[in-house]
C-alpha atoms as a PDB file:
ATOM      1  CA  UNK A   1       0.000   0.000   0.000  1.00  0.00           C
ATOM      2  CA  UNK A   2       2.715   2.499   0.992  1.00  0.00           C
ATOM      3  CA  UNK A   3       4.891   1.700  -2.005  1.00  0.00           C
ATOM      4  CA  UNK A   4       1.954   1.993  -4.382  1.00  0.00           C
ATOM      5  CA  UNK A   5       0.907   5.352  -2.960  1.00  0.00           C
ATOM      6  CA  UNK A   6       4.476   6.679  -2.978  1.00  0.00           C
ATOM      7  CA  UNK A   7       5.014   5.552  -6.570  1.00  0.00           C
ATOM      8  CA  UNK A   8       1.777   7.175  -7.678  1.00  0.00           C
ATOM      9  CA  UNK A   9       2.275  10.488  -5.855  1.00  0.00           C
ATOM     10  CA  UNK A  10       6.064  10.940  -5.621  1.00  0.00           C
ATOM     11  CA  UNK A  11       5.918  14.133  -7.704  1.00  0.00           C
ATOM     12  CA  UNK A  12       3.940  15.823  -4.942  1.00  0.00           C
ATOM     13  CA  UNK A  13       6.967  15.557  -2.668  1.00  0.00           C
ATOM     14  CA  UNK A  14       8.923  17.671  -5.160  1.00  0.00           C
ATOM     15  CA  UNK A  15       6.372  20.494  -5.170  1.00  0.00           C
ATOM     16  CA  UNK A  16       6.655  23.382  -2.757  1.00  0.00           C
ATOM     17  CA  UNK A  17       4.285  22.876   0.151  1.00  0.00           C
ATOM     18  CA  UNK A  18       2.736  26.329  -0.381  1.00  0.00           C
ATOM     19  CA  UNK A  19       1.845  25.329  -3.970  1.00  0.00           C
ATOM     20  CA  UNK A  20      -0.079  22.191  -2.965  1.00  0.00           C
ATOM     21  CA  UNK A  21      -3.852  22.057  -3.054  1.00  0.00           C
ATOM     22  CA  UNK A  22      -5.674  20.874   0.066  1.00  0.00           C
ATOM     23  CA  UNK A  23      -6.219  17.469  -1.531  1.00  0.00           C
ATOM     24  CA  UNK A  24      -2.517  17.211  -2.382  1.00  0.00           C
ATOM     25  CA  UNK A  25      -1.569  18.293   1.150  1.00  0.00           C
ATOM     26  CA  UNK A  26      -3.615  15.420   2.559  1.00  0.00           C
ATOM     27  CA  UNK A  27      -1.892  12.961   0.220  1.00  0.00           C
ATOM     28  CA  UNK A  28       1.557  14.277   1.178  1.00  0.00           C
ATOM     29  CA  UNK A  29       0.745  14.024   4.887  1.00  0.00           C
ATOM     30  CA  UNK A  30      -0.395  10.427   4.396  1.00  0.00           C
ATOM     31  CA  UNK A  31       2.811   9.580   2.510  1.00  0.00           C
ATOM     32  CA  UNK A  32       5.019  11.217   5.144  1.00  0.00           C
ATOM     33  CA  UNK A  33       3.459   9.079   7.890  1.00  0.00           C
ATOM     34  CA  UNK A  34       5.001   5.950   6.358  1.00  0.00           C
ATOM     35  CA  UNK A  35       8.633   6.793   7.094  1.00  0.00           C
ATOM     36  CA  UNK A  36      10.211   9.175   9.583  1.00  0.00           C
ATOM     37  CA  UNK A  37      13.348   9.768   7.466  1.00  0.00           C
ATOM     38  CA  UNK A  38      11.217  10.648   4.459  1.00  0.00           C
ATOM     39  CA  UNK A  39       9.295  13.100   6.610  1.00  0.00           C
ATOM     40  CA  UNK A  40      12.547  14.619   7.891  1.00  0.00           C
ATOM     41  CA  UNK A  41      13.978  14.916   4.380  1.00  0.00           C
ATOM     42  CA  UNK A  42      10.775  16.550   3.125  1.00  0.00           C
ATOM     43  CA  UNK A  43      10.802  19.144   5.900  1.00  0.00           C
ATOM     44  CA  UNK A  44      14.529  19.681   5.298  1.00  0.00           C
ATOM     45  CA  UNK A  45      13.797  20.380   1.615  1.00  0.00           C
ATOM     46  CA  UNK A  46      11.089  22.848   2.606  1.00  0.00           C
ATOM     47  CA  UNK A  47      13.505  24.523   5.029  1.00  0.00           C
ATOM     48  CA  UNK A  48      15.908  25.104   2.126  1.00  0.00           C
ATOM     49  CA  UNK A  49      13.132  26.743   0.101  1.00  0.00           C
ATOM     50  CA  UNK A  50      12.282  28.953   3.081  1.00  0.00           C
ATOM     51  CA  UNK A  51      15.977  29.785   3.458  1.00  0.00           C
ATOM     52  CA  UNK A  52      16.101  31.011  -0.133  1.00  0.00           C
ATOM     53  CA  UNK A  53      12.902  33.032   0.189  1.00  0.00           C
ATOM     54  CA  UNK A  54      13.271  34.489   3.678  1.00  0.00           C
ATOM     55  CA  UNK A  55      16.962  35.262   4.235  1.00  0.00           C
ATOM     56  CA  UNK A  56      17.217  39.048   4.261  1.00  0.00           C
ATOM     57  CA  UNK A  57      20.945  39.400   3.614  1.00  0.00           C
ATOM     58  CA  UNK A  58      24.125  37.376   3.117  1.00  0.00           C
ATOM     59  CA  UNK A  59      25.091  37.306   6.805  1.00  0.00           C
ATOM     60  CA  UNK A  60      21.734  35.950   7.903  1.00  0.00           C
ATOM     61  CA  UNK A  61      21.819  33.515   4.975  1.00  0.00           C
ATOM     62  CA  UNK A  62      25.186  32.151   6.157  1.00  0.00           C
ATOM     63  CA  UNK A  63      23.924  31.649   9.728  1.00  0.00           C
ATOM     64  CA  UNK A  64      20.713  29.934   8.709  1.00  0.00           C
ATOM     65  CA  UNK A  65      22.505  27.822   6.094  1.00  0.00           C
ATOM     66  CA  UNK A  66      24.736  26.442   8.850  1.00  0.00           C
ATOM     67  CA  UNK A  67      21.599  25.504  10.811  1.00  0.00           C
ATOM     68  CA  UNK A  68      20.222  23.855   7.674  1.00  0.00           C
ATOM     69  CA  UNK A  69      23.446  21.808   7.366  1.00  0.00           C
ATOM     70  CA  UNK A  70      23.065  20.604  10.969  1.00  0.00           C
ATOM     71  CA  UNK A  71      19.435  19.671  10.358  1.00  0.00           C
ATOM     72  CA  UNK A  72      20.514  17.662   7.301  1.00  0.00           C
ATOM     73  CA  UNK A  73      23.297  15.827   9.160  1.00  0.00           C
ATOM     74  CA  UNK A  74      20.711  14.647  11.718  1.00  0.00           C
ATOM     75  CA  UNK A  75      18.781  12.857   8.945  1.00  0.00           C
ATOM     76  CA  UNK A  76      21.711  10.444   8.362  1.00  0.00           C
ATOM     77  CA  UNK A  77      21.041   9.574   4.729  1.00  0.00           C
ATOM     78  CA  UNK A  78      23.573   9.304   1.892  1.00  0.00           C
ATOM     79  CA  UNK A  79      21.540  11.433  -0.531  1.00  0.00           C
ATOM     80  CA  UNK A  80      21.195  14.203   2.049  1.00  0.00           C
ATOM     81  CA  UNK A  81      24.916  14.079   2.839  1.00  0.00           C
ATOM     82  CA  UNK A  82      25.694  14.302  -0.884  1.00  0.00           C
ATOM     83  CA  UNK A  83      23.418  17.319  -1.213  1.00  0.00           C
ATOM     84  CA  UNK A  84      25.070  19.022   1.758  1.00  0.00           C
ATOM     85  CA  UNK A  85      28.510  18.373   0.278  1.00  0.00           C
ATOM     86  CA  UNK A  86      27.468  19.935  -3.039  1.00  0.00           C
ATOM     87  CA  UNK A  87      25.987  23.018  -1.374  1.00  0.00           C
ATOM     88  CA  UNK A  88      29.118  23.392   0.764  1.00  0.00           C
ATOM     89  CA  UNK A  89      31.318  23.212  -2.337  1.00  0.00           C
ATOM     90  CA  UNK A  90      29.293  26.028  -3.918  1.00  0.00           C
ATOM     91  CA  UNK A  91      28.488  27.888  -0.701  1.00  0.00           C
ATOM     92  CA  UNK A  92      30.003  31.222  -1.747  1.00  0.00           C
ATOM     93  CA  UNK A  93      28.053  31.269  -4.984  1.00  0.00           C
ATOM     94  CA  UNK A  94      24.838  30.146  -3.291  1.00  0.00           C
ATOM     95  CA  UNK A  95      25.098  32.824  -0.600  1.00  0.00           C
ATOM     96  CA  UNK A  96      25.939  35.490  -3.194  1.00  0.00           C
ATOM     97  CA  UNK A  97      22.323  35.226  -4.337  1.00  0.00           C
ATOM     98  CA  UNK A  98      21.378  37.012  -1.105  1.00  0.00           C
ATOM     99  CA  UNK A  99      23.765  39.879  -1.852  1.00  0.00           C
ATOM    100  CA  UNK A 100      22.130  40.633  -5.198  1.00  0.00           C
ATOM    101  CA  UNK A 101      18.972  38.685  -5.967  1.00  0.00           C
ATOM    102  CA  UNK A 102      19.508  38.066  -9.667  1.00  0.00           C
ATOM    103  CA  UNK A 103      19.614  34.666 -11.317  1.00  0.00           C
ATOM    104  CA  UNK A 104      19.885  33.421 -14.866  1.00  0.00           C
ATOM    105  CA  UNK A 105      16.709  31.349 -14.486  1.00  0.00           C
ATOM    106  CA  UNK A 106      14.907  33.160 -17.324  1.00  0.00           C
ATOM    107  CA  UNK A 107      17.810  32.561 -19.695  1.00  0.00           C
ATOM    108  CA  UNK A 108      18.051  28.903 -18.638  1.00  0.00           C
ATOM    109  CA  UNK A 109      14.312  28.455 -19.168  1.00  0.00           C
ATOM    110  CA  UNK A 110      14.427  29.919 -22.652  1.00  0.00           C
ATOM    111  CA  UNK A 111      17.493  27.855 -23.490  1.00  0.00           C
ATOM    112  CA  UNK A 112      15.666  24.675 -22.433  1.00  0.00           C
ATOM    113  CA  UNK A 113      12.668  25.651 -24.579  1.00  0.00           C
ATOM    114  CA  UNK A 114      14.937  26.155 -27.586  1.00  0.00           C
ATOM    115  CA  UNK A 115      16.656  22.802 -27.011  1.00  0.00           C
ATOM    116  CA  UNK A 116      13.267  21.082 -26.800  1.00  0.00           C
ATOM    117  CA  UNK A 117      12.221  22.806 -30.022  1.00  0.00           C
ATOM    118  CA  UNK A 118      15.417  21.599 -31.713  1.00  0.00           C
ATOM    119  CA  UNK A 119      14.650  18.021 -30.696  1.00  0.00           C
ATOM    120  CA  UNK A 120      11.097  18.242 -32.004  1.00  0.00           C
ATOM    121  CA  UNK A 121      11.946  20.009 -35.283  1.00  0.00           C
ATOM    122  CA  UNK A 122      15.371  18.659 -36.116  1.00  0.00           C
ATOM    123  CA  UNK A 123      14.855  18.591 -39.895  1.00  0.00           C
ATOM    124  CA  UNK A 124      13.321  22.042 -40.380  1.00  0.00           C
ATOM    125  CA  UNK A 125      14.916  23.252 -43.603  1.00  0.00           C
ATOM    126  CA  UNK A 126      13.635  26.818 -43.738  1.00  0.00           C
ATOM    127  CA  UNK A 127      15.763  28.994 -41.449  1.00  0.00           C
ATOM    128  CA  UNK A 128      13.081  31.720 -41.149  1.00  0.00           C
ATOM    129  CA  UNK A 129      10.470  29.191 -40.043  1.00  0.00           C
ATOM    130  CA  UNK A 130      12.915  27.813 -37.484  1.00  0.00           C
ATOM    131  CA  UNK A 131      13.734  31.271 -36.089  1.00  0.00           C
ATOM    132  CA  UNK A 132      10.056  32.244 -35.951  1.00  0.00           C
ATOM    133  CA  UNK A 133       9.235  29.054 -34.067  1.00  0.00           C
ATOM    134  CA  UNK A 134      11.911  29.921 -31.513  1.00  0.00           C
ATOM    135  CA  UNK A 135      10.391  33.390 -31.070  1.00  0.00           C
ATOM    136  CA  UNK A 136       6.902  31.975 -30.660  1.00  0.00           C
ATOM    137  CA  UNK A 137       8.105  29.238 -28.302  1.00  0.00           C
ATOM    138  CA  UNK A 138       9.832  31.744 -26.047  1.00  0.00           C
ATOM    139  CA  UNK A 139       6.900  34.233 -26.155  1.00  0.00           C
ATOM    140  CA  UNK A 140       8.961  36.816 -27.982  1.00  0.00           C
ATOM    141  CA  UNK A 141       6.650  36.997 -30.981  1.00  0.00           C
ATOM    142  CA  UNK A 142       5.058  40.251 -29.845  1.00  0.00           C
ATOM    143  CA  UNK A 143       8.494  41.942 -29.680  1.00  0.00           C
ATOM    144  CA  UNK A 144       9.277  41.521 -33.380  1.00  0.00           C
ATOM    145  CA  UNK A 145       5.758  42.003 -34.710  1.00  0.00           C
ATOM    146  CA  UNK A 146       5.464  38.423 -35.939  1.00  0.00           C
ATOM    147  CA  UNK A 147       2.086  37.671 -34.397  1.00  0.00           C
END
């Protein structure tokens, strides 16, 4: 029963808890009752999201990130330890986000859309059609007067 429910609803554990519907919240709570480490890891993931959203400056971010590390070490799981190691290796860059809250997420998103378009339309021969599809895919059509 637990395995079946976890397999069916594992994507809900990846969603932010504030983005879940009430029905999804009930499903997540039921899943988290099956295993204490899973529950701890889920709350640890949510704490990281809160850390990103709520840290006011770099100094506070550093302090709360250290607390987040300690919380993760208490879970005692290889995947969590691997995640902590990665964040520690990139700690300066991760904390720099709180100095100046800019990311390249928009560029990465558009790049992924273009790569997906390339996979779908690999043999498009007409260069203008290809470029126009990129503009439409990335919602830039209104900028160049194509639409």
